[in-house]
Amino acid sequence: MRSPARPLRRSSPAASFRAQIEKAEAEGCSRADMTLRVTLSDASLLKRDPDLALSDIGFVDQTMRFLGVVIEEGGVAQSELVRARPAQAD
């Protein structure tokens, strides 16, 4: 009798988030104007990633940041990088 298959462990989303942040920055968006909205699962993976440098992830005033970008945990079905909309000229 075979044992049940173990679920595959997902890799950390850090590399994907890093690429998205760098692309947005190259397109002129400031990191201060970005927000990473992440699933609870992705937030957990980021917090537990042993390969992340302490300078890449941290908490300031109870706000989680990755590469200087604010992270909002939960409330989304899929993680996404949200860029601030440019101000509209009147």
C-alpha atoms as a PDB file:
ATOM      1  CA  MET A   1       0.000   0.000   0.000  1.00  0.00           C
ATOM      2  CA  ARG A   2       1.406   3.368  -1.012  1.00  0.00           C
ATOM      3  CA  SER A   3       1.472   6.253   1.370  1.00  0.00           C
ATOM      4  CA  PRO A   4      -0.553   9.313   0.402  1.00  0.00           C
ATOM      5  CA  ALA A   5       1.284  11.844  -1.706  1.00  0.00           C
ATOM      6  CA  ARG A   6       2.644  14.775   0.222  1.00  0.00           C
ATOM      7  CA  PRO A   7       1.526  18.185  -0.907  1.00  0.00           C
ATOM      8  CA  LEU A   8       4.167  20.142  -2.771  1.00  0.00           C
ATOM      9  CA  ARG A   9       5.686  22.979  -0.795  1.00  0.00           C
ATOM     10  CA  ARG A  10       5.353  26.305  -2.512  1.00  0.00           C
ATOM     11  CA  SER A  11       8.474  28.316  -2.906  1.00  0.00           C
ATOM     12  CA  SER A  12       8.692  31.752  -1.383  1.00  0.00           C
ATOM     13  CA  PRO A  13       7.012  34.483  -3.428  1.00  0.00           C
ATOM     14  CA  ALA A  14       9.926  36.839  -2.675  1.00  0.00           C
ATOM     15  CA  ALA A  15      11.540  36.523  -6.118  1.00  0.00           C
ATOM     16  CA  SER A  16       8.281  37.311  -7.898  1.00  0.00           C
ATOM     17  CA  PHE A  17       7.550  40.279  -5.634  1.00  0.00           C
ATOM     18  CA  ARG A  18      11.106  41.584  -6.062  1.00  0.00           C
ATOM     19  CA  ALA A  19      10.782  41.451  -9.868  1.00  0.00           C
ATOM     20  CA  GLN A  20       7.416  43.243  -9.782  1.00  0.00           C
ATOM     21  CA  ILE A  21       8.781  45.976  -7.507  1.00  0.00           C
ATOM     22  CA  GLU A  22      11.887  46.495  -9.646  1.00  0.00           C
ATOM     23  CA  LYS A  23       9.785  46.658 -12.831  1.00  0.00           C
ATOM     24  CA  ALA A  24       7.426  49.247 -11.322  1.00  0.00           C
ATOM     25  CA  GLU A  25      10.380  51.274 -10.084  1.00  0.00           C
ATOM     26  CA  ALA A  26      11.996  51.167 -13.545  1.00  0.00           C
ATOM     27  CA  GLU A  27       8.724  52.529 -14.934  1.00  0.00           C
ATOM     28  CA  GLY A  28       8.955  55.519 -12.594  1.00  0.00           C
ATOM     29  CA  CYS A  29       6.880  54.447  -9.593  1.00  0.00           C
ATOM     30  CA  SER A  30       8.340  55.163  -6.167  1.00  0.00           C
ATOM     31  CA  ARG A  31       8.422  52.326  -3.622  1.00  0.00           C
ATOM     32  CA  ALA A  32       6.647  54.660  -1.209  1.00  0.00           C
ATOM     33  CA  ASP A  33       3.726  54.733  -3.684  1.00  0.00           C
ATOM     34  CA  MET A  34       3.445  50.929  -3.934  1.00  0.00           C
ATOM     35  CA  THR A  35       1.542  48.446  -1.808  1.00  0.00           C
ATOM     36  CA  LEU A  36       1.870  44.685  -1.905  1.00  0.00           C
ATOM     37  CA  ARG A  37      -1.513  43.117  -1.206  1.00  0.00           C
ATOM     38  CA  VAL A  38      -0.720  39.525  -0.351  1.00  0.00           C
ATOM     39  CA  THR A  39      -2.604  36.390   0.575  1.00  0.00           C
ATOM     40  CA  LEU A  40      -2.178  35.134   4.109  1.00  0.00           C
ATOM     41  CA  SER A  41      -0.278  32.175   2.689  1.00  0.00           C
ATOM     42  CA  ASP A  42       2.211  34.392   0.800  1.00  0.00           C
ATOM     43  CA  ALA A  43       2.677  36.576   3.885  1.00  0.00           C
ATOM     44  CA  SER A  44       3.482  33.499   5.939  1.00  0.00           C
ATOM     45  CA  LEU A  45       5.950  32.252   3.318  1.00  0.00           C
ATOM     46  CA  LEU A  46       7.702  35.640   3.275  1.00  0.00           C
ATOM     47  CA  LYS A  47       7.986  35.754   7.061  1.00  0.00           C
ATOM     48  CA  ARG A  48       9.462  32.259   7.177  1.00  0.00           C
ATOM     49  CA  ASP A  49      11.809  32.494   4.181  1.00  0.00           C
ATOM     50  CA  PRO A  50      15.294  31.655   5.500  1.00  0.00           C
ATOM     51  CA  ASP A  51      16.928  33.046   2.349  1.00  0.00           C
ATOM     52  CA  LEU A  52      15.664  36.627   2.815  1.00  0.00           C
ATOM     53  CA  ALA A  53      18.101  39.129   4.238  1.00  0.00           C
ATOM     54  CA  LEU A  54      16.938  40.987   7.324  1.00  0.00           C
ATOM     55  CA  SER A  55      17.334  44.215   5.373  1.00  0.00           C
ATOM     56  CA  ASP A  56      14.789  42.991   2.773  1.00  0.00           C
ATOM     57  CA  ILE A  57      11.901  42.369   5.164  1.00  0.00           C
ATOM     58  CA  GLY A  58      10.915  43.975   8.409  1.00  0.00           C
ATOM     59  CA  PHE A  59       8.300  45.511  10.642  1.00  0.00           C
ATOM     60  CA  VAL A  60       8.120  49.202  11.468  1.00  0.00           C
ATOM     61  CA  ASP A  61       5.301  50.521  13.650  1.00  0.00           C
ATOM     62  CA  GLN A  62       3.457  47.191  13.237  1.00  0.00           C
ATOM     63  CA  THR A  63       3.592  47.504   9.431  1.00  0.00           C
ATOM     64  CA  MET A  64       5.261  44.747   7.438  1.00  0.00           C
ATOM     65  CA  ARG A  65       7.498  45.918   4.584  1.00  0.00           C
ATOM     66  CA  PHE A  66       9.334  44.045   1.832  1.00  0.00           C
ATOM     67  CA  LEU A  67      12.105  45.997   0.085  1.00  0.00           C
ATOM     68  CA  GLY A  68      10.574  49.161   1.530  1.00  0.00           C
ATOM     69  CA  VAL A  69       7.102  48.449   0.118  1.00  0.00           C
ATOM     70  CA  VAL A  70       4.175  48.268   2.549  1.00  0.00           C
ATOM     71  CA  ILE A  71       2.488  44.873   2.756  1.00  0.00           C
ATOM     72  CA  GLU A  72      -1.231  44.424   3.394  1.00  0.00           C
ATOM     73  CA  GLU A  73      -2.025  40.868   4.477  1.00  0.00           C
ATOM     74  CA  GLY A  74      -5.222  39.040   3.561  1.00  0.00           C
ATOM     75  CA  GLY A  75      -8.402  40.056   1.823  1.00  0.00           C
ATOM     76  CA  VAL A  76      -7.194  39.009  -1.634  1.00  0.00           C
ATOM     77  CA  ALA A  77      -7.452  35.748  -3.561  1.00  0.00           C
ATOM     78  CA  GLN A  78      -4.132  36.369  -5.322  1.00  0.00           C
ATOM     79  CA  SER A  79      -1.211  38.536  -4.301  1.00  0.00           C
ATOM     80  CA  GLU A  80      -0.650  41.692  -6.320  1.00  0.00           C
ATOM     81  CA  LEU A  81       1.462  44.824  -6.420  1.00  0.00           C
ATOM     82  CA  VAL A  82      -0.684  47.950  -6.388  1.00  0.00           C
ATOM     83  CA  ARG A  83       0.778  51.189  -7.677  1.00  0.00           C
ATOM     84  CA  ALA A  84      -0.587  54.579  -6.662  1.00  0.00           C
ATOM     85  CA  ARG A  85      -2.502  56.300  -9.412  1.00  0.00           C
ATOM     86  CA  PRO A  86      -0.910  59.497 -10.710  1.00  0.00           C
ATOM     87  CA  ALA A  87      -2.650  62.710  -9.700  1.00  0.00           C
ATOM     88  CA  GLN A  88      -5.120  63.977 -12.265  1.00  0.00           C
ATOM     89  CA  ALA A  89      -4.537  67.475 -13.618  1.00  0.00           C
ATOM     90  CA  ASP A  90      -7.584  69.760 -13.343  1.00  0.00           C
END
